[in-house]
Protein backbone atom coordinates (compact mmCIF):
# COMPACT_ATOMS: atom_id res chain seq x y z
CA UNK A 1 0.00 0.00 0.00
CA UNK A 2 1.39 3.32 -0.96
CA UNK A 3 0.48 6.21 1.28
CA UNK A 4 1.89 9.70 1.21
CA UNK A 5 1.52 12.69 3.46
CA UNK A 6 0.80 16.39 2.84
CA UNK A 7 0.45 16.92 -0.91
CA UNK A 8 -1.22 19.72 -2.82
CA UNK A 9 -3.53 18.64 -5.63
CA UNK A 10 -5.58 21.18 -7.62
CA UNK A 11 -4.90 23.87 -5.03
CA UNK A 12 -6.14 21.80 -2.07
CA UNK A 13 -3.83 20.51 0.64
CA UNK A 14 -4.31 16.81 1.35
CA UNK A 15 -2.98 15.47 4.61
CA UNK A 16 -2.92 11.88 3.41
CA UNK A 17 -3.32 10.05 0.09
CA UNK A 18 -3.97 6.30 0.27
CA UNK A 19 -3.88 3.66 -2.47
CA UNK A 20 -5.61 0.27 -2.18
CA UNK A 21 -3.77 -2.77 -0.87
CA UNK A 22 -2.12 -4.71 -3.72
CA UNK A 23 -2.97 -8.07 -2.14
CA UNK A 24 -6.66 -7.32 -2.73
CA UNK A 25 -5.97 -6.91 -6.44
CA UNK A 26 -4.29 -10.30 -6.61
CA UNK A 27 -7.08 -12.01 -4.66
CA UNK A 28 -9.78 -10.51 -6.90
CA UNK A 29 -7.84 -11.51 -10.03
CA UNK A 30 -7.50 -15.11 -8.87
CA UNK A 31 -11.17 -15.26 -7.84
CA UNK A 32 -12.24 -13.88 -11.22
CA UNK A 33 -10.16 -16.40 -13.15
CA UNK A 34 -11.40 -19.30 -11.00
CA UNK A 35 -15.09 -18.31 -11.17
CA UNK A 36 -15.14 -17.72 -14.92
CA UNK A 37 -13.01 -20.84 -15.53
CA UNK A 38 -15.38 -23.05 -13.52
CA UNK A 39 -18.36 -21.50 -15.31
CA UNK A 40 -16.77 -22.15 -18.72
CA UNK A 41 -16.00 -25.77 -17.80
CA UNK A 42 -19.54 -26.27 -16.50
CA UNK A 43 -21.05 -24.86 -19.70
CA UNK A 44 -18.76 -26.96 -21.85
CA UNK A 45 -19.55 -30.14 -19.89
CA UNK A 46 -23.31 -29.65 -20.43
CA UNK A 47 -22.91 -30.10 -24.21
CA UNK A 48 -23.04 -33.95 -24.26
CA UNK A 49 -26.11 -33.96 -22.00
CA UNK A 50 -28.06 -31.43 -24.04
CA UNK A 51 -30.49 -31.98 -26.93
CA UNK A 52 -29.29 -31.57 -30.51
CA UNK A 53 -31.32 -28.44 -31.18
CA UNK A 54 -33.11 -25.76 -29.23
CA UNK A 55 -36.67 -25.04 -30.43
CA UNK A 56 -36.07 -27.40 -33.31
CA UNK A 57 -33.66 -25.27 -35.35
CA UNK A 58 -30.92 -23.69 -33.14
CA UNK A 59 -27.87 -25.94 -32.66
CA UNK A 60 -27.57 -26.20 -28.87
CA UNK A 61 -23.94 -27.35 -28.79
CA UNK A 62 -22.82 -24.23 -30.68
CA UNK A 63 -24.60 -21.98 -28.18
CA UNK A 64 -22.91 -23.75 -25.24
CA UNK A 65 -19.48 -23.57 -26.88
CA UNK A 66 -19.99 -19.88 -27.60
CA UNK A 67 -21.09 -19.27 -23.99
CA UNK A 68 -18.06 -21.11 -22.58
CA UNK A 69 -15.67 -19.16 -24.87
CA UNK A 70 -17.44 -15.95 -23.85
CA UNK A 71 -16.87 -16.82 -20.16
CA UNK A 72 -13.16 -17.36 -20.82
CA UNK A 73 -12.86 -14.07 -22.74
CA UNK A 74 -14.76 -12.15 -20.03
CA UNK A 75 -12.61 -13.67 -17.28
CA UNK A 76 -9.42 -12.70 -19.12
CA UNK A 77 -10.72 -9.19 -19.86
CA UNK A 78 -11.81 -8.54 -16.28
CA UNK A 79 -8.65 -9.93 -14.72
CA UNK A 80 -6.11 -8.50 -17.21
CA UNK A 81 -7.69 -5.17 -18.22
CA UNK A 82 -10.54 -4.00 -15.99
CA UNK A 83 -9.20 -4.83 -12.51
CA UNK A 84 -5.68 -3.42 -13.11
CA UNK A 85 -7.15 -0.17 -14.49
CA UNK A 86 -9.62 0.13 -11.62
CA UNK A 87 -6.95 -0.49 -8.98
CA UNK A 88 -4.57 1.95 -10.70
CA UNK A 89 -7.16 4.75 -10.45
CA UNK A 90 -8.48 4.00 -6.95
CA UNK A 91 -7.22 6.64 -4.47
CA UNK A 92 -8.44 8.14 -1.22
CA UNK A 93 -7.35 11.67 -0.31
CA UNK A 94 -7.91 13.25 3.09
CA UNK A 95 -7.79 16.96 3.77
CA UNK A 96 -8.62 18.61 7.06
CA UNK A 97 -12.26 19.05 5.97
CA UNK A 98 -12.94 16.53 3.16
CA UNK A 99 -12.47 12.96 1.97
CA UNK A 100 -12.08 12.48 -1.78
CA UNK A 101 -12.46 9.06 -3.41
CA UNK A 102 -11.21 8.72 -6.99
CA UNK A 103 -12.10 5.49 -8.79
CA UNK A 104 -13.03 3.94 -12.12
CA UNK A 105 -11.50 1.91 -14.91
CA UNK A 106 -12.53 3.58 -18.17
CA UNK A 107 -14.06 6.75 -16.80
CA UNK A 108 -12.86 8.31 -13.58
CA UNK A 109 -15.41 9.20 -10.91
CA UNK A 110 -14.55 11.52 -8.04
CA UNK A 111 -16.65 11.50 -4.91
CA UNK A 112 -16.13 14.19 -2.25
CA UNK A 113 -17.55 14.03 1.25
CA UNK A 114 -17.22 16.63 3.96
CA UNK A 115 -16.37 15.38 7.44
CA UNK A 116 -19.32 17.46 8.67
CA UNK A 117 -21.80 15.42 6.63
CA UNK A 118 -20.77 12.01 7.99
CA UNK A 119 -23.63 10.67 10.10
CA UNK A 120 -22.11 7.32 11.08
CA UNK A 121 -19.58 4.79 9.85
CA UNK A 122 -19.67 1.04 9.37
CA UNK A 123 -16.66 -1.21 9.13
CA UNK A 124 -16.70 -4.49 7.21
CA UNK A 125 -14.01 -7.14 7.48
CA UNK A 126 -14.25 -10.14 5.18
CA UNK A 127 -12.46 -13.51 5.50
CA UNK A 128 -8.73 -13.63 4.73
CA UNK A 129 -8.24 -10.07 6.00
CA UNK A 130 -4.52 -10.34 6.66
CA UNK A 131 -3.76 -11.96 3.29
CA UNK A 132 -6.09 -10.02 1.04
CA UNK A 133 -6.78 -6.69 2.72
CA UNK A 134 -10.52 -7.18 2.31
CA UNK A 135 -11.39 -4.41 4.75
CA UNK A 136 -13.97 -1.70 4.03
CA UNK A 137 -15.25 1.43 5.69
CA UNK A 138 -18.73 2.62 4.77
CA UNK A 139 -19.31 6.31 5.43
CA UNK A 140 -23.03 7.07 5.67
CA UNK A 141 -23.55 10.72 4.82
CA UNK A 142 -26.52 12.96 4.15
CA UNK A 143 -28.09 11.57 0.98
CA UNK A 144 -25.79 8.63 0.29
CA UNK A 145 -22.77 6.52 1.09
CA UNK A 146 -19.07 6.45 0.36
CA UNK A 147 -17.32 3.10 0.55
CA UNK A 148 -13.56 2.99 1.11
CA UNK A 149 -12.44 -0.38 -0.30
CA UNK A 150 -9.39 -2.63 0.20
CA UNK A 151 -7.69 -0.98 3.13
CA UNK A 152 -4.59 -2.20 4.90
CA UNK A 153 -4.85 -2.43 8.71
CA UNK A 154 -2.61 0.61 9.28
CA UNK A 155 -4.54 2.80 6.83
CA UNK A 156 -7.86 1.53 8.16
CA UNK A 157 -6.95 2.60 11.70
CA UNK A 158 -5.66 5.99 10.51
CA UNK A 159 -8.87 6.69 8.62
CA UNK A 160 -11.05 5.76 11.59
CA UNK A 161 -8.85 7.95 13.81
CA UNK A 162 -9.17 10.90 11.37
CA UNK A 163 -12.95 10.55 11.27
CA UNK A 164 -13.30 10.26 15.05
CA UNK A 165 -10.92 13.20 15.61
CA UNK A 166 -12.85 15.35 13.16
CA UNK A 167 -16.18 14.39 14.76
CA UNK A 168 -14.85 15.33 18.23
CA UNK A 169 -13.48 18.67 17.00
CA UNK A 170 -16.88 19.49 15.50
CA UNK A 171 -18.69 19.03 18.83
Foldseek 3Di string as FASTA:
>chain_A
DDKDAWDADPNATFGMKDAFDVLQLVVVLVVLQVVLQVVLVVLQVCLVVDDQADPPPHGPNVVSNVVSVVSNVVSCCCSPQFSVQFRVQFMWTHHLFKIWTWGDRPDIDIDIDTLVFFPDKDKDADPPCQRRQQIWIWTDGVPGIDIDGRHHPVVVVVVVVSSVVSVVVVD
